[in-house]
C-alpha atoms as a PDB file:
ATOM      1  CA  MET A   1       5.626 -23.093  31.873  1.00  0.00           C
ATOM      2  CA  ASN A   2       7.664 -20.366  33.607  1.00  0.00           C
ATOM      3  CA  ARG A   3      11.300 -21.155  34.240  1.00  0.00           C
ATOM      4  CA  LYS A   4      12.983 -19.351  37.090  1.00  0.00           C
ATOM      5  CA  LEU A   5      15.833 -17.168  35.821  1.00  0.00           C
ATOM      6  CA  LYS A   6      19.397 -17.856  36.891  1.00  0.00           C
ATOM      7  CA  ASN A   7      21.396 -15.058  38.539  1.00  0.00           C
ATOM      8  CA  GLU A   8      23.509 -14.565  35.411  1.00  0.00           C
ATOM      9  CA  GLU A   9      20.301 -13.995  33.381  1.00  0.00           C
ATOM     10  CA  LEU A  10      19.133 -11.059  35.521  1.00  0.00           C
ATOM     11  CA  ASN A  11      21.280  -8.454  33.729  1.00  0.00           C
ATOM     12  CA  ARG A  12      22.550  -6.962  36.978  1.00  0.00           C
ATOM     13  CA  ILE A  13      24.798  -3.960  36.652  1.00  0.00           C
ATOM     14  CA  SER A  14      28.121  -3.650  38.456  1.00  0.00           C
ATOM     15  CA  ILE A  15      28.677  -1.285  41.384  1.00  0.00           C
ATOM     16  CA  GLU A  16      30.666   0.990  39.052  1.00  0.00           C
ATOM     17  CA  GLU A  17      27.804   1.015  36.520  1.00  0.00           C
ATOM     18  CA  PHE A  18      25.305   1.696  39.333  1.00  0.00           C
ATOM     19  CA  LYS A  19      27.300   4.704  40.515  1.00  0.00           C
ATOM     20  CA  SER A  20      27.374   6.217  37.017  1.00  0.00           C
ATOM     21  CA  THR A  21      23.718   5.454  36.177  1.00  0.00           C
ATOM     22  CA  ALA A  22      21.127   8.252  36.370  1.00  0.00           C
ATOM     23  CA  LYS A  23      19.310   8.026  39.691  1.00  0.00           C
ATOM     24  CA  THR A  24      15.714   8.421  40.735  1.00  0.00           C
ATOM     25  CA  PRO A  25      15.644  11.929  42.316  1.00  0.00           C
ATOM     26  CA  ILE A  26      14.781  10.603  45.770  1.00  0.00           C
ATOM     27  CA  ILE A  27      16.780  10.598  48.991  1.00  0.00           C
ATOM     28  CA  ILE A  28      15.573   8.321  51.777  1.00  0.00           C
ATOM     29  CA  VAL A  29      16.021   9.826  55.250  1.00  0.00           C
ATOM     30  CA  LEU A  30      16.001   7.463  58.235  1.00  0.00           C
ATOM     31  CA  ASP A  31      14.970   9.280  61.428  1.00  0.00           C
ATOM     32  CA  ASN A  32      16.373   7.340  64.425  1.00  0.00           C
ATOM     33  CA  ILE A  33      15.904   3.783  63.144  1.00  0.00           C
ATOM     34  CA  ARG A  34      17.044   1.234  65.718  1.00  0.00           C
ATOM     35  CA  SER A  35      16.892  -2.062  63.792  1.00  0.00           C
ATOM     36  CA  LEU A  36      20.055  -2.886  61.878  1.00  0.00           C
ATOM     37  CA  ASN A  37      18.079  -5.332  59.725  1.00  0.00           C
ATOM     38  CA  ASN A  38      15.663  -2.563  58.749  1.00  0.00           C
ATOM     39  CA  ILE A  39      18.573  -0.304  57.805  1.00  0.00           C
ATOM     40  CA  GLY A  40      20.051  -3.031  55.612  1.00  0.00           C
ATOM     41  CA  SER A  41      16.691  -3.644  53.955  1.00  0.00           C
ATOM     42  CA  VAL A  42      16.362   0.053  53.156  1.00  0.00           C
ATOM     43  CA  PHE A  43      19.756  -0.003  51.411  1.00  0.00           C
ATOM     44  CA  ARG A  44      18.679  -2.995  49.356  1.00  0.00           C
ATOM     45  CA  THR A  45      15.448  -1.290  48.295  1.00  0.00           C
ATOM     46  CA  ALA A  46      17.376   1.900  47.490  1.00  0.00           C
ATOM     47  CA  ASP A  47      19.683  -0.105  45.227  1.00  0.00           C
ATOM     48  CA  ALA A  48      16.769  -1.859  43.498  1.00  0.00           C
ATOM     49  CA  PHE A  49      15.110   1.427  42.507  1.00  0.00           C
ATOM     50  CA  LEU A  50      18.241   3.512  41.772  1.00  0.00           C
ATOM     51  CA  ILE A  51      17.635   5.861  44.708  1.00  0.00           C
ATOM     52  CA  LYS A  52      20.087   8.769  44.859  1.00  0.00           C
ATOM     53  CA  ALA A  53      21.102   8.343  48.522  1.00  0.00           C
ATOM     54  CA  VAL A  54      20.172   7.236  52.020  1.00  0.00           C
ATOM     55  CA  TYR A  55      20.637   9.685  54.899  1.00  0.00           C
ATOM     56  CA  LEU A  56      21.128   8.051  58.295  1.00  0.00           C
ATOM     57  CA  CYS A  57      20.186  10.266  61.244  1.00  0.00           C
ATOM     58  CA  GLY A  58      20.445  10.198  65.025  1.00  0.00           C
ATOM     59  CA  ILE A  59      20.688   6.696  66.516  1.00  0.00           C
ATOM     60  CA  THR A  60      20.489   5.084  63.067  1.00  0.00           C
ATOM     61  CA  ALA A  61      23.580   2.879  62.701  1.00  0.00           C
ATOM     62  CA  THR A  62      25.946   3.266  59.772  1.00  0.00           C
ATOM     63  CA  PRO A  63      27.857   0.827  57.575  1.00  0.00           C
ATOM     64  CA  PRO A  64      30.043  -1.068  57.793  1.00  0.00           C
ATOM     65  CA  HIS A  65      28.200  -3.281  60.262  1.00  0.00           C
ATOM     66  CA  ARG A  66      27.727  -7.040  60.071  1.00  0.00           C
ATOM     67  CA  GLU A  67      24.013  -6.899  60.944  1.00  0.00           C
ATOM     68  CA  ILE A  68      23.317  -4.215  58.319  1.00  0.00           C
ATOM     69  CA  GLN A  69      25.219  -6.248  55.720  1.00  0.00           C
ATOM     70  CA  LYS A  70      23.086  -9.349  56.406  1.00  0.00           C
ATOM     71  CA  THR A  71      20.078  -7.711  54.803  1.00  0.00           C
ATOM     72  CA  ALA A  72      21.802  -5.117  52.589  1.00  0.00           C
ATOM     73  CA  LEU A  73      23.703  -7.844  50.696  1.00  0.00           C
ATOM     74  CA  GLY A  74      26.297  -5.344  49.477  1.00  0.00           C
ATOM     75  CA  ALA A  75      23.937  -2.448  48.709  1.00  0.00           C
ATOM     76  CA  THR A  76      25.867  -0.233  51.142  1.00  0.00           C
ATOM     77  CA  GLU A  77      28.654  -0.325  48.553  1.00  0.00           C
ATOM     78  CA  SER A  78      26.457   0.829  45.658  1.00  0.00           C
ATOM     79  CA  VAL A  79      24.098   3.327  47.313  1.00  0.00           C
ATOM     80  CA  GLU A  80      25.510   6.680  48.436  1.00  0.00           C
ATOM     81  CA  TRP A  81      24.896   7.446  52.113  1.00  0.00           C
ATOM     82  CA  LYS A  82      25.623  10.138  54.691  1.00  0.00           C
ATOM     83  CA  TYR A  83      25.273  10.326  58.455  1.00  0.00           C
ATOM     84  CA  PHE A  84      23.791  13.293  60.353  1.00  0.00           C
ATOM     85  CA  LYS A  85      23.630  13.791  64.127  1.00  0.00           C
ATOM     86  CA  SER A  86      20.043  14.959  63.749  1.00  0.00           C
ATOM     87  CA  THR A  87      17.330  14.639  61.155  1.00  0.00           C
ATOM     88  CA  GLY A  88      16.827  18.412  61.315  1.00  0.00           C
ATOM     89  CA  GLU A  89      20.434  18.883  60.157  1.00  0.00           C
ATOM     90  CA  ALA A  90      19.782  16.563  57.194  1.00  0.00           C
ATOM     91  CA  ILE A  91      16.577  18.410  56.296  1.00  0.00           C
ATOM     92  CA  ASP A  92      18.370  21.770  56.392  1.00  0.00           C
ATOM     93  CA  LEU A  93      20.949  20.480  53.893  1.00  0.00           C
ATOM     94  CA  LEU A  94      18.253  18.964  51.685  1.00  0.00           C
ATOM     95  CA  LYS A  95      16.293  22.213  51.552  1.00  0.00           C
ATOM     96  CA  GLU A  96      19.482  24.169  50.771  1.00  0.00           C
ATOM     97  CA  ASN A  97      19.821  21.825  47.773  1.00  0.00           C
ATOM     98  CA  ASP A  98      16.228  22.368  46.589  1.00  0.00           C
ATOM     99  CA  TYR A  99      14.743  19.095  47.828  1.00  0.00           C
ATOM    100  CA  LYS A 100      11.086  18.906  48.807  1.00  0.00           C
ATOM    101  CA  VAL A 101      10.833  17.013  52.097  1.00  0.00           C
ATOM    102  CA  ALA A 102       7.944  14.628  52.710  1.00  0.00           C
ATOM    103  CA  ALA A 103       7.561  12.767  56.002  1.00  0.00           C
ATOM    104  CA  ILE A 104       5.907   9.354  55.815  1.00  0.00           C
ATOM    105  CA  GLU A 105       3.471   9.446  58.711  1.00  0.00           C
ATOM    106  CA  GLN A 106      -0.177   9.467  59.756  1.00  0.00           C
ATOM    107  CA  THR A 107      -1.181  13.059  60.534  1.00  0.00           C
ATOM    108  CA  GLU A 108      -4.031  15.463  60.157  1.00  0.00           C
ATOM    109  CA  ASN A 109      -4.163  16.692  56.565  1.00  0.00           C
ATOM    110  CA  SER A 110      -1.712  14.098  55.233  1.00  0.00           C
ATOM    111  CA  THR A 111      -1.845  13.169  51.539  1.00  0.00           C
ATOM    112  CA  MET A 112      -2.492   9.535  50.715  1.00  0.00           C
ATOM    113  CA  LEU A 113       0.408   7.985  48.824  1.00  0.00           C
ATOM    114  CA  ASP A 114      -1.636   7.187  45.726  1.00  0.00           C
ATOM    115  CA  GLN A 115      -2.824  10.829  45.602  1.00  0.00           C
ATOM    116  CA  TYR A 116       0.614  12.391  46.141  1.00  0.00           C
ATOM    117  CA  PRO A 117       1.478  14.533  43.086  1.00  0.00           C
ATOM    118  CA  ILE A 118       4.948  14.333  41.567  1.00  0.00           C
ATOM    119  CA  ASN A 119       6.535  17.083  39.539  1.00  0.00           C
ATOM    120  CA  GLU A 120       9.003  15.273  37.276  1.00  0.00           C
ATOM    121  CA  ASN A 121      11.505  18.127  37.697  1.00  0.00           C
ATOM    122  CA  GLU A 122      11.552  18.110  41.499  1.00  0.00           C
ATOM    123  CA  LYS A 123      13.898  16.362  43.879  1.00  0.00           C
ATOM    124  CA  LEU A 124      12.245  14.609  46.799  1.00  0.00           C
ATOM    125  CA  ALA A 125      13.451  13.503  50.222  1.00  0.00           C
ATOM    126  CA  ILE A 126      11.225  11.039  52.077  1.00  0.00           C
ATOM    127  CA  VAL A 127      11.588  10.680  55.845  1.00  0.00           C
ATOM    128  CA  PHE A 128      10.832   7.420  57.653  1.00  0.00           C
ATOM    129  CA  GLY A 129      10.624   7.361  61.434  1.00  0.00           C
ATOM    130  CA  ASN A 130      11.542   5.222  64.385  1.00  0.00           C
ATOM    131  CA  GLU A 131       9.914   1.791  64.643  1.00  0.00           C
ATOM    132  CA  VAL A 132       8.013   2.731  67.835  1.00  0.00           C
ATOM    133  CA  LYS A 133       7.637   6.536  67.809  1.00  0.00           C
ATOM    134  CA  GLY A 134       7.416   7.167  64.071  1.00  0.00           C
ATOM    135  CA  VAL A 135       8.623  10.448  62.608  1.00  0.00           C
ATOM    136  CA  GLU A 136       9.293  12.987  65.361  1.00  0.00           C
ATOM    137  CA  GLN A 137       6.872  15.948  65.487  1.00  0.00           C
ATOM    138  CA  GLU A 138       9.807  18.341  65.110  1.00  0.00           C
ATOM    139  CA  VAL A 139      10.663  16.630  61.806  1.00  0.00           C
ATOM    140  CA  ILE A 140       7.019  16.710  60.692  1.00  0.00           C
ATOM    141  CA  ASP A 141       7.028  20.466  61.357  1.00  0.00           C
ATOM    142  CA  LEU A 142      10.121  20.872  59.133  1.00  0.00           C
ATOM    143  CA  SER A 143       8.612  18.827  56.293  1.00  0.00           C
ATOM    144  CA  ASP A 144       6.977  20.362  53.224  1.00  0.00           C
ATOM    145  CA  SER A 145       4.318  17.646  53.106  1.00  0.00           C
ATOM    146  CA  ILE A 146       3.184  14.458  54.791  1.00  0.00           C
ATOM    147  CA  ILE A 147       2.519  11.266  52.867  1.00  0.00           C
ATOM    148  CA  GLU A 148       0.375   8.534  54.396  1.00  0.00           C
ATOM    149  CA  ILE A 149       0.251   4.930  53.227  1.00  0.00           C
ATOM    150  CA  PRO A 150      -3.409   3.888  52.929  1.00  0.00           C
ATOM    151  CA  GLN A 151      -4.169   0.932  55.202  1.00  0.00           C
ATOM    152  CA  PHE A 152      -7.439  -0.925  55.535  1.00  0.00           C
ATOM    153  CA  GLY A 153      -7.062  -3.609  58.211  1.00  0.00           C
ATOM    154  CA  THR A 154      -7.111  -3.587  61.998  1.00  0.00           C
ATOM    155  CA  LYS A 155      -3.432  -2.621  62.278  1.00  0.00           C
ATOM    156  CA  HIS A 156      -2.417   0.860  61.291  1.00  0.00           C
ATOM    157  CA  SER A 157       1.318   0.513  60.990  1.00  0.00           C
ATOM    158  CA  LEU A 158       3.814  -1.307  58.808  1.00  0.00           C
ATOM    159  CA  ASN A 159       7.387  -2.337  59.471  1.00  0.00           C
ATOM    160  CA  ILE A 160       9.703   0.410  58.238  1.00  0.00           C
ATOM    161  CA  SER A 161      11.336  -1.789  55.613  1.00  0.00           C
ATOM    162  CA  VAL A 162       7.884  -2.628  54.219  1.00  0.00           C
ATOM    163  CA  SER A 163       6.893   1.054  54.310  1.00  0.00           C
ATOM    164  CA  VAL A 164      10.035   2.012  52.400  1.00  0.00           C
ATOM    165  CA  GLY A 165       9.309  -0.636  49.771  1.00  0.00           C
ATOM    166  CA  VAL A 166       5.712   0.491  49.296  1.00  0.00           C
ATOM    167  CA  VAL A 167       6.502   4.223  49.149  1.00  0.00           C
ATOM    168  CA  VAL A 168       9.614   3.937  46.997  1.00  0.00           C
ATOM    169  CA  TRP A 169       7.850   1.707  44.461  1.00  0.00           C
ATOM    170  CA  GLU A 170       4.902   4.087  44.143  1.00  0.00           C
ATOM    171  CA  LEU A 171       7.124   7.164  43.830  1.00  0.00           C
ATOM    172  CA  TYR A 172       9.478   5.388  41.417  1.00  0.00           C
ATOM    173  CA  ARG A 173       6.463   4.617  39.170  1.00  0.00           C
ATOM    174  CA  LYS A 174       5.419   8.267  39.277  1.00  0.00           C
ATOM    175  CA  PHE A 175       8.915   9.504  38.390  1.00  0.00           C
ATOM    176  CA  ASN A 176       9.211   6.890  35.619  1.00  0.00           C
ATOM    177  CA  PRO A 177       5.781   6.653  33.946  1.00  0.00           C
END
């Protein structure tokens, strides 16, 4: 029989411990995300996988906000974040700091997520786009690579919070074999 664990048995670290723990060398970049619930979910995923930071760009709302907090459940306190007026501005800063930038999108010549190679010494920024328009072409043009999530059904899109979960888990596994 499998007994469900109680919260106190989950060995959760404190916010202070989180901030001093070594991070996965990934920054999540949100390119004009309109849903506050999606933003909160991204923070929660970033906390779960020790992501270095979340960059909020354009119309993407910033904490503190009640609707973000509903899904973030406090992760905006643990995960570092910054706001940029444009995603291009964020990408410029990332590249100045030696980050490879990968847009998560369906394009010609994209690399499927399971085939995306990771160099354990690199730092990676992954860009997720607007719920309707996806990653802007201008941002795709600034990116070093494009990662596509393989999909096999009749729909060829996922909710952004689901996409972040899928991509971050796969990249986390590759950084932490």
